[in-house]
Amino acid sequence: MDPDLLQLLVSGGVWRTASVSEAPQIVLESWTVRQLENGDRHFVGWNCTHHEGRASSKIIQFDPVTLRGVTRSGRVYELRGKPGHDRDAEHVWSSWCRINGAEKWTDVTPKAPRRADDADAAAAADFARMCAEKSQELLALDELEQEVPVAKDFGPFRGRRQ
């Protein structure tokens, strides 16, 4: 049997993503943010770019105004529309958790506005704090828009709708 086919069958219909150089940006709809016990946060949603469920690698940077984030792999994720749930994305997230031994997680999806104005400043600030490692530092410097380096992909997974 073909080893790639066997791996696909064993993994439950999920597979490694294209490299960051091949797919540097992904647009997610029906998205959520999941936090693992160790504090790492991941985007989970429907990948409009490649028409599949998606679970990202760890989020390291996020801009609450543009709803764009950068993950550990260096990939840029744009969150389109309101948060929501997608059946394929849920399957991919469950598989990602099983493969990576993540037994517990929390949905920390904020009610984030598309544009942060005075009335929505608290929600936008909460959303920015989800990536404390980078976002807080960049918010203070007012330098959220910056070039994203291309790095080796560290493990987001994806799955197709049937």
C-alpha atoms as a PDB file:
ATOM      1  CA  MET A   1       0.000   0.000   0.000  1.00  0.00           C
ATOM      2  CA  ASP A   2       1.169   3.541  -0.768  1.00  0.00           C
ATOM      3  CA  PRO A   3       2.745   5.010   2.438  1.00  0.00           C
ATOM      4  CA  ASP A   4       1.072   8.409   1.852  1.00  0.00           C
ATOM      5  CA  LEU A   5      -2.353   6.769   1.527  1.00  0.00           C
ATOM      6  CA  LEU A   6      -1.726   4.688   4.635  1.00  0.00           C
ATOM      7  CA  GLN A   7      -0.740   7.812   6.589  1.00  0.00           C
ATOM      8  CA  LEU A   8      -3.912   9.588   5.425  1.00  0.00           C
ATOM      9  CA  LEU A   9      -6.073   6.658   6.536  1.00  0.00           C
ATOM     10  CA  VAL A  10      -4.321   6.365   9.907  1.00  0.00           C
ATOM     11  CA  SER A  11      -4.513  10.106  10.593  1.00  0.00           C
ATOM     12  CA  GLY A  12      -8.293  10.173  10.061  1.00  0.00           C
ATOM     13  CA  GLY A  13      -8.366  12.359   6.969  1.00  0.00           C
ATOM     14  CA  VAL A  14      -5.907  15.074   8.003  1.00  0.00           C
ATOM     15  CA  TRP A  15      -2.542  15.795   6.465  1.00  0.00           C
ATOM     16  CA  ARG A  16       0.366  18.229   6.670  1.00  0.00           C
ATOM     17  CA  THR A  17      -0.178  21.603   5.089  1.00  0.00           C
ATOM     18  CA  ALA A  18       1.701  23.078   2.172  1.00  0.00           C
ATOM     19  CA  SER A  19       4.895  24.844   3.180  1.00  0.00           C
ATOM     20  CA  VAL A  20       4.720  28.499   4.182  1.00  0.00           C
ATOM     21  CA  SER A  21       6.552  29.451   0.992  1.00  0.00           C
ATOM     22  CA  GLU A  22       3.810  27.716  -1.031  1.00  0.00           C
ATOM     23  CA  ALA A  23       0.908  29.122   1.035  1.00  0.00           C
ATOM     24  CA  PRO A  24       2.113  32.137   3.045  1.00  0.00           C
ATOM     25  CA  GLN A  25      -1.388  33.424   3.849  1.00  0.00           C
ATOM     26  CA  ILE A  26      -4.661  31.717   4.769  1.00  0.00           C
ATOM     27  CA  VAL A  27      -8.128  33.257   5.106  1.00  0.00           C
ATOM     28  CA  LEU A  28     -10.320  31.638   7.771  1.00  0.00           C
ATOM     29  CA  GLU A  29     -14.100  31.904   8.134  1.00  0.00           C
ATOM     30  CA  SER A  30     -16.188  30.358  10.911  1.00  0.00           C
ATOM     31  CA  TRP A  31     -13.117  30.703  13.084  1.00  0.00           C
ATOM     32  CA  THR A  32     -12.369  30.209  16.765  1.00  0.00           C
ATOM     33  CA  VAL A  33      -9.331  30.539  19.012  1.00  0.00           C
ATOM     34  CA  ARG A  34      -8.384  27.533  21.165  1.00  0.00           C
ATOM     35  CA  GLN A  35      -6.051  27.640  24.156  1.00  0.00           C
ATOM     36  CA  LEU A  36      -4.158  24.575  25.359  1.00  0.00           C
ATOM     37  CA  GLU A  37      -3.278  23.903  28.997  1.00  0.00           C
ATOM     38  CA  ASN A  38       0.237  25.249  28.394  1.00  0.00           C
ATOM     39  CA  GLY A  39      -1.175  28.606  27.227  1.00  0.00           C
ATOM     40  CA  ASP A  40      -0.523  28.140  23.497  1.00  0.00           C
ATOM     41  CA  ARG A  41      -3.330  29.461  21.309  1.00  0.00           C
ATOM     42  CA  HIS A  42      -4.349  28.270  17.844  1.00  0.00           C
ATOM     43  CA  PHE A  43      -6.700  29.442  15.117  1.00  0.00           C
ATOM     44  CA  VAL A  44      -9.307  26.855  14.083  1.00  0.00           C
ATOM     45  CA  GLY A  45     -11.676  27.460  11.176  1.00  0.00           C
ATOM     46  CA  TRP A  46     -12.700  26.979   7.561  1.00  0.00           C
ATOM     47  CA  ASN A  47      -9.793  27.705   5.206  1.00  0.00           C
ATOM     48  CA  CYS A  48     -11.381  29.709   2.364  1.00  0.00           C
ATOM     49  CA  THR A  49      -8.092  29.689   0.474  1.00  0.00           C
ATOM     50  CA  HIS A  50      -7.888  25.898   0.069  1.00  0.00           C
ATOM     51  CA  HIS A  51     -11.474  24.868   0.949  1.00  0.00           C
ATOM     52  CA  GLU A  52     -10.723  22.733   4.001  1.00  0.00           C
ATOM     53  CA  GLY A  53     -10.845  22.696   7.791  1.00  0.00           C
ATOM     54  CA  ARG A  54      -7.707  24.128   9.400  1.00  0.00           C
ATOM     55  CA  ALA A  55      -5.946  24.176  12.780  1.00  0.00           C
ATOM     56  CA  SER A  56      -2.951  26.509  12.917  1.00  0.00           C
ATOM     57  CA  SER A  57       0.347  26.240  14.701  1.00  0.00           C
ATOM     58  CA  LYS A  58       0.813  28.423  17.813  1.00  0.00           C
ATOM     59  CA  ILE A  59      -0.234  32.068  17.414  1.00  0.00           C
ATOM     60  CA  ILE A  60       2.659  34.437  18.119  1.00  0.00           C
ATOM     61  CA  GLN A  61       1.294  37.788  16.926  1.00  0.00           C
ATOM     62  CA  PHE A  62      -2.131  39.294  16.373  1.00  0.00           C
ATOM     63  CA  ASP A  63      -3.516  42.632  15.155  1.00  0.00           C
ATOM     64  CA  PRO A  64      -7.039  43.156  16.561  1.00  0.00           C
ATOM     65  CA  VAL A  65      -7.881  45.906  14.071  1.00  0.00           C
ATOM     66  CA  THR A  66      -7.115  43.987  10.869  1.00  0.00           C
ATOM     67  CA  LEU A  67      -7.886  40.555  12.395  1.00  0.00           C
ATOM     68  CA  ARG A  68      -4.614  39.219  11.022  1.00  0.00           C
ATOM     69  CA  GLY A  69      -2.311  36.940  12.993  1.00  0.00           C
ATOM     70  CA  VAL A  70       1.035  35.264  12.522  1.00  0.00           C
ATOM     71  CA  THR A  71       1.713  31.737  13.729  1.00  0.00           C
ATOM     72  CA  ARG A  72       4.931  30.030  14.774  1.00  0.00           C
ATOM     73  CA  SER A  73       5.326  28.701  11.234  1.00  0.00           C
ATOM     74  CA  GLY A  74       5.442  32.271   9.891  1.00  0.00           C
ATOM     75  CA  ARG A  75       2.123  31.886   8.104  1.00  0.00           C
ATOM     76  CA  VAL A  76      -0.292  34.835   8.145  1.00  0.00           C
ATOM     77  CA  TYR A  77      -3.933  34.114   9.002  1.00  0.00           C
ATOM     78  CA  GLU A  78      -6.696  36.575   8.180  1.00  0.00           C
ATOM     79  CA  LEU A  79      -9.909  36.053  10.129  1.00  0.00           C
ATOM     80  CA  ARG A  80     -12.900  36.914   7.963  1.00  0.00           C
ATOM     81  CA  GLY A  81     -16.375  37.531   9.292  1.00  0.00           C
ATOM     82  CA  LYS A  82     -17.646  36.618  12.711  1.00  0.00           C
ATOM     83  CA  PRO A  83     -16.355  33.763  14.857  1.00  0.00           C
ATOM     84  CA  GLY A  84     -18.176  30.485  14.348  1.00  0.00           C
ATOM     85  CA  HIS A  85     -17.827  26.723  14.120  1.00  0.00           C
ATOM     86  CA  ASP A  86     -17.144  24.556  11.096  1.00  0.00           C
ATOM     87  CA  ARG A  87     -17.588  20.774  11.148  1.00  0.00           C
ATOM     88  CA  ASP A  88     -14.413  20.098   9.133  1.00  0.00           C
ATOM     89  CA  ALA A  89     -12.359  22.450  11.279  1.00  0.00           C
ATOM     90  CA  GLU A  90     -13.642  20.701  14.413  1.00  0.00           C
ATOM     91  CA  HIS A  91     -12.572  17.344  12.963  1.00  0.00           C
ATOM     92  CA  VAL A  92      -9.117  18.709  12.133  1.00  0.00           C
ATOM     93  CA  TRP A  93      -8.765  20.231  15.605  1.00  0.00           C
ATOM     94  CA  SER A  94      -9.770  16.932  17.268  1.00  0.00           C
ATOM     95  CA  SER A  95      -7.229  15.081  15.128  1.00  0.00           C
ATOM     96  CA  TRP A  96      -4.532  17.680  15.858  1.00  0.00           C
ATOM     97  CA  CYS A  97      -5.170  17.309  19.596  1.00  0.00           C
ATOM     98  CA  ARG A  98      -5.029  13.498  19.401  1.00  0.00           C
ATOM     99  CA  ILE A  99      -1.822  13.508  17.314  1.00  0.00           C
ATOM    100  CA  ASN A 100      -0.139  16.088  19.583  1.00  0.00           C
ATOM    101  CA  GLY A 101      -1.336  14.649  22.903  1.00  0.00           C
ATOM    102  CA  ALA A 102      -3.380  17.744  23.808  1.00  0.00           C
ATOM    103  CA  GLU A 103      -6.082  16.405  26.104  1.00  0.00           C
ATOM    104  CA  LYS A 104      -7.578  19.663  27.409  1.00  0.00           C
ATOM    105  CA  TRP A 105      -8.237  22.982  25.731  1.00  0.00           C
ATOM    106  CA  THR A 106     -10.495  25.985  26.134  1.00  0.00           C
ATOM    107  CA  ASP A 107     -12.348  28.012  23.516  1.00  0.00           C
ATOM    108  CA  VAL A 108     -11.093  31.565  24.125  1.00  0.00           C
ATOM    109  CA  THR A 109     -12.676  33.116  21.048  1.00  0.00           C
ATOM    110  CA  PRO A 110     -13.419  36.748  21.829  1.00  0.00           C
ATOM    111  CA  LYS A 111     -16.256  38.770  20.420  1.00  0.00           C
ATOM    112  CA  ALA A 112     -13.882  40.813  18.295  1.00  0.00           C
ATOM    113  CA  PRO A 113     -14.958  43.788  16.216  1.00  0.00           C
ATOM    114  CA  ARG A 114     -13.808  44.227  12.619  1.00  0.00           C
ATOM    115  CA  ARG A 115     -12.616  47.709  13.551  1.00  0.00           C
ATOM    116  CA  ALA A 116     -11.734  48.779  17.055  1.00  0.00           C
ATOM    117  CA  ASP A 117     -13.501  51.990  18.016  1.00  0.00           C
ATOM    118  CA  ASP A 118     -14.077  53.456  21.481  1.00  0.00           C
ATOM    119  CA  ALA A 119     -17.078  51.215  22.161  1.00  0.00           C
ATOM    120  CA  ASP A 120     -15.176  48.074  21.148  1.00  0.00           C
ATOM    121  CA  ALA A 121     -11.773  48.943  22.632  1.00  0.00           C
ATOM    122  CA  ALA A 122     -12.104  46.468  25.514  1.00  0.00           C
ATOM    123  CA  ALA A 123     -12.923  43.557  23.176  1.00  0.00           C
ATOM    124  CA  ALA A 124     -10.047  44.497  20.878  1.00  0.00           C
ATOM    125  CA  ALA A 125      -7.651  44.741  23.827  1.00  0.00           C
ATOM    126  CA  ASP A 126      -8.730  41.277  25.046  1.00  0.00           C
ATOM    127  CA  PHE A 127      -8.142  39.883  21.584  1.00  0.00           C
ATOM    128  CA  ALA A 128      -4.670  41.418  21.397  1.00  0.00           C
ATOM    129  CA  ARG A 129      -3.725  39.944  24.785  1.00  0.00           C
ATOM    130  CA  MET A 130      -4.245  36.442  23.395  1.00  0.00           C
ATOM    131  CA  CYS A 131      -0.788  36.735  21.844  1.00  0.00           C
ATOM    132  CA  ALA A 132       1.000  38.301  24.781  1.00  0.00           C
ATOM    133  CA  GLU A 133       4.457  37.199  23.630  1.00  0.00           C
ATOM    134  CA  LYS A 134       4.487  39.593  20.677  1.00  0.00           C
ATOM    135  CA  SER A 135       1.314  41.647  20.462  1.00  0.00           C
ATOM    136  CA  GLN A 136       1.711  43.604  23.697  1.00  0.00           C
ATOM    137  CA  GLU A 137       5.239  44.613  22.777  1.00  0.00           C
ATOM    138  CA  LEU A 138       4.176  45.605  19.281  1.00  0.00           C
ATOM    139  CA  LEU A 139       1.081  47.460  20.495  1.00  0.00           C
ATOM    140  CA  ALA A 140       3.283  49.556  22.762  1.00  0.00           C
ATOM    141  CA  LEU A 141       5.589  50.325  19.828  1.00  0.00           C
ATOM    142  CA  ASP A 142       2.619  50.845  17.473  1.00  0.00           C
ATOM    143  CA  GLU A 143       4.332  48.506  14.980  1.00  0.00           C
ATOM    144  CA  LEU A 144       1.868  45.684  14.399  1.00  0.00           C
ATOM    145  CA  GLU A 145       2.122  45.947  10.626  1.00  0.00           C
ATOM    146  CA  GLN A 146       5.485  44.442   9.754  1.00  0.00           C
ATOM    147  CA  GLU A 147       6.944  42.004   7.280  1.00  0.00           C
ATOM    148  CA  VAL A 148       6.463  38.383   8.241  1.00  0.00           C
ATOM    149  CA  PRO A 149       9.521  36.148   7.864  1.00  0.00           C
ATOM    150  CA  VAL A 150       9.065  32.847   6.079  1.00  0.00           C
ATOM    151  CA  ALA A 151       9.964  30.003   8.396  1.00  0.00           C
ATOM    152  CA  LYS A 152       9.714  26.217   8.458  1.00  0.00           C
ATOM    153  CA  ASP A 153       6.161  24.962   9.006  1.00  0.00           C
ATOM    154  CA  PHE A 154       5.745  23.453  12.499  1.00  0.00           C
ATOM    155  CA  GLY A 155       2.582  21.475  12.145  1.00  0.00           C
ATOM    156  CA  PRO A 156      -0.797  22.905  11.332  1.00  0.00           C
ATOM    157  CA  PHE A 157      -3.127  20.276   9.897  1.00  0.00           C
ATOM    158  CA  ARG A 158      -5.956  20.425   7.434  1.00  0.00           C
ATOM    159  CA  GLY A 159      -8.857  18.276   6.207  1.00  0.00           C
ATOM    160  CA  ARG A 160     -11.298  18.386   3.314  1.00  0.00           C
ATOM    161  CA  ARG A 161     -15.078  18.517   3.379  1.00  0.00           C
ATOM    162  CA  GLN A 162     -16.718  15.421   2.014  1.00  0.00           C
END
